[in-house]
C-alpha atoms as a PDB file:
ATOM      1  CA  MET A   1      87.044  76.490  59.486  1.00  0.00           C
ATOM      2  CA  ASN A   2      88.195  79.217  62.560  1.00  0.00           C
ATOM      3  CA  ARG A   3      87.071  82.728  62.081  1.00  0.00           C
ATOM      4  CA  VAL A   4      90.146  85.001  61.935  1.00  0.00           C
ATOM      5  CA  THR A   5      89.493  88.908  62.665  1.00  0.00           C
ATOM      6  CA  ILE A   6      92.191  91.364  60.489  1.00  0.00           C
ATOM      7  CA  THR A   7      92.156  94.416  62.370  1.00  0.00           C
ATOM      8  CA  LEU A   8      93.139  97.553  60.640  1.00  0.00           C
ATOM      9  CA  ILE A   9      93.718 100.501  62.895  1.00  0.00           C
ATOM     10  CA  GLY A  10      94.143 103.818  61.010  1.00  0.00           C
ATOM     11  CA  LYS A  11      92.863 107.409  60.601  1.00  0.00           C
ATOM     12  CA  PRO A  12      90.896 109.724  58.218  1.00  0.00           C
ATOM     13  CA  GLY A  13      92.317 111.242  55.278  1.00  0.00           C
ATOM     14  CA  CYS A  14      95.178 108.948  55.615  1.00  0.00           C
ATOM     15  CA  HIS A  15      96.082 107.607  52.095  1.00  0.00           C
ATOM     16  CA  LEU A  16      98.095 104.512  53.001  1.00  0.00           C
ATOM     17  CA  CYS A  17      95.249 103.485  55.357  1.00  0.00           C
ATOM     18  CA  ASP A  18      93.155 103.328  52.437  1.00  0.00           C
ATOM     19  CA  ASP A  19      95.653 101.067  50.445  1.00  0.00           C
ATOM     20  CA  ALA A  20      95.588  99.138  53.217  1.00  0.00           C
ATOM     21  CA  ARG A  21      91.781  98.674  53.808  1.00  0.00           C
ATOM     22  CA  ALA A  22      91.858  97.605  50.246  1.00  0.00           C
ATOM     23  CA  VAL A  23      94.190  94.755  50.466  1.00  0.00           C
ATOM     24  CA  VAL A  24      92.475  93.458  53.824  1.00  0.00           C
ATOM     25  CA  GLU A  25      88.977  93.751  52.496  1.00  0.00           C
ATOM     26  CA  ARG A  26      90.253  91.366  49.269  1.00  0.00           C
ATOM     27  CA  VAL A  27      92.007  88.758  51.694  1.00  0.00           C
ATOM     28  CA  ALA A  28      89.069  88.746  54.096  1.00  0.00           C
ATOM     29  CA  ALA A  29      86.712  88.644  51.314  1.00  0.00           C
ATOM     30  CA  ASP A  30      88.663  85.539  49.807  1.00  0.00           C
ATOM     31  CA  LEU A  31      89.582  83.614  52.870  1.00  0.00           C
ATOM     32  CA  GLY A  32      86.535  84.431  55.177  1.00  0.00           C
ATOM     33  CA  ALA A  33      87.978  86.697  57.683  1.00  0.00           C
ATOM     34  CA  VAL A  34      85.994  89.183  59.865  1.00  0.00           C
ATOM     35  CA  VAL A  35      87.193  92.713  59.040  1.00  0.00           C
ATOM     36  CA  GLU A  36      87.494  95.478  62.150  1.00  0.00           C
ATOM     37  CA  GLU A  37      88.472  98.768  61.460  1.00  0.00           C
ATOM     38  CA  ARG A  38      89.637 101.481  64.474  1.00  0.00           C
ATOM     39  CA  ASP A  39      90.313 105.146  64.215  1.00  0.00           C
ATOM     40  CA  ILE A  40      93.511 105.786  66.316  1.00  0.00           C
ATOM     41  CA  THR A  41      92.230 109.213  66.593  1.00  0.00           C
ATOM     42  CA  VAL A  42      89.350 108.252  69.204  1.00  0.00           C
ATOM     43  CA  SER A  43      91.601 105.642  71.019  1.00  0.00           C
ATOM     44  CA  GLU A  44      93.883 106.604  73.611  1.00  0.00           C
ATOM     45  CA  GLU A  45      95.515 103.298  73.964  1.00  0.00           C
ATOM     46  CA  ASP A  46      96.156 102.981  69.859  1.00  0.00           C
ATOM     47  CA  ARG A  47      97.342 106.764  69.625  1.00  0.00           C
ATOM     48  CA  ARG A  48     100.013 105.952  72.447  1.00  0.00           C
ATOM     49  CA  ALA A  49     100.509 102.426  70.734  1.00  0.00           C
ATOM     50  CA  TYR A  50     100.626 102.914  67.161  1.00  0.00           C
ATOM     51  CA  TRP A  51     100.453 106.744  66.056  1.00  0.00           C
ATOM     52  CA  GLU A  52     104.054 106.559  64.399  1.00  0.00           C
ATOM     53  CA  GLN A  53     103.266 103.297  62.584  1.00  0.00           C
ATOM     54  CA  ILE A  54      99.423 103.846  60.560  1.00  0.00           C
ATOM     55  CA  PRO A  55      98.056 101.823  59.474  1.00  0.00           C
ATOM     56  CA  VAL A  56      98.431  98.859  61.379  1.00  0.00           C
ATOM     57  CA  THR A  57      97.163  95.606  61.008  1.00  0.00           C
ATOM     58  CA  LEU A  58      96.468  93.065  63.160  1.00  0.00           C
ATOM     59  CA  VAL A  59      95.591  89.295  63.321  1.00  0.00           C
ATOM     60  CA  ASN A  60      93.370  88.009  65.970  1.00  0.00           C
ATOM     61  CA  GLY A  61      94.684  90.997  68.174  1.00  0.00           C
ATOM     62  CA  VAL A  62      98.496  90.305  67.507  1.00  0.00           C
ATOM     63  CA  GLN A  63     100.296  93.403  65.610  1.00  0.00           C
ATOM     64  CA  HIS A  64     100.951  91.721  62.069  1.00  0.00           C
ATOM     65  CA  ASP A  65     102.099  94.838  60.048  1.00  0.00           C
ATOM     66  CA  PHE A  66     102.678  98.381  59.738  1.00  0.00           C
ATOM     67  CA  TRP A  67     102.827 101.527  57.416  1.00  0.00           C
ATOM     68  CA  ARG A  68     102.307  99.026  54.319  1.00  0.00           C
ATOM     69  CA  VAL A  69     100.465  95.861  53.715  1.00  0.00           C
ATOM     70  CA  ASP A  70     101.835  92.982  51.999  1.00  0.00           C
ATOM     71  CA  GLU A  71      99.089  91.205  50.845  1.00  0.00           C
ATOM     72  CA  ALA A  72     100.779  87.381  50.133  1.00  0.00           C
ATOM     73  CA  ARG A  73     101.941  87.848  53.989  1.00  0.00           C
ATOM     74  CA  LEU A  74      98.629  89.044  55.072  1.00  0.00           C
ATOM     75  CA  ARG A  75      97.422  85.908  53.519  1.00  0.00           C
ATOM     76  CA  ALA A  76      99.335  83.947  54.821  1.00  0.00           C
ATOM     77  CA  ALA A  77      99.030  85.133  58.611  1.00  0.00           C
ATOM     78  CA  VAL A  78      95.010  84.549  58.141  1.00  0.00           C
ATOM     79  CA  LEU A  79      95.661  81.270  57.330  1.00  0.00           C
ATOM     80  CA  ALA A  80      98.294  80.010  59.970  1.00  0.00           C
ATOM     81  CA  SER A  81      96.112  81.689  62.303  1.00  0.00           C
ATOM     82  CA  ARG A  82      93.517  79.713  61.137  1.00  0.00           C
ATOM     83  CA  ALA A  83      94.937  76.593  61.693  1.00  0.00           C
ATOM     84  CA  ASP A  84      96.222  77.225  64.770  1.00  0.00           C
ATOM     85  CA  ARG A  85      92.901  77.723  66.100  1.00  0.00           C
END
């Protein structure tokens, strides 16, 4: 099985980020993906790229979603990404 990384870019105190984290963690646990979390307040590069969109999810480094994470879409993206590797 090919390992997939789901990255969540958010910031402390963000309720949408908390909601996204729950979905990301559930999908990752079910599908064996790795979760990486980045705090947008400590990265100028992330701040420039994603400030208006947080929370942002990436699948293997490619932007997947922002604001709200749809669990079914994320599952499909992880499975497709795993198949592509």
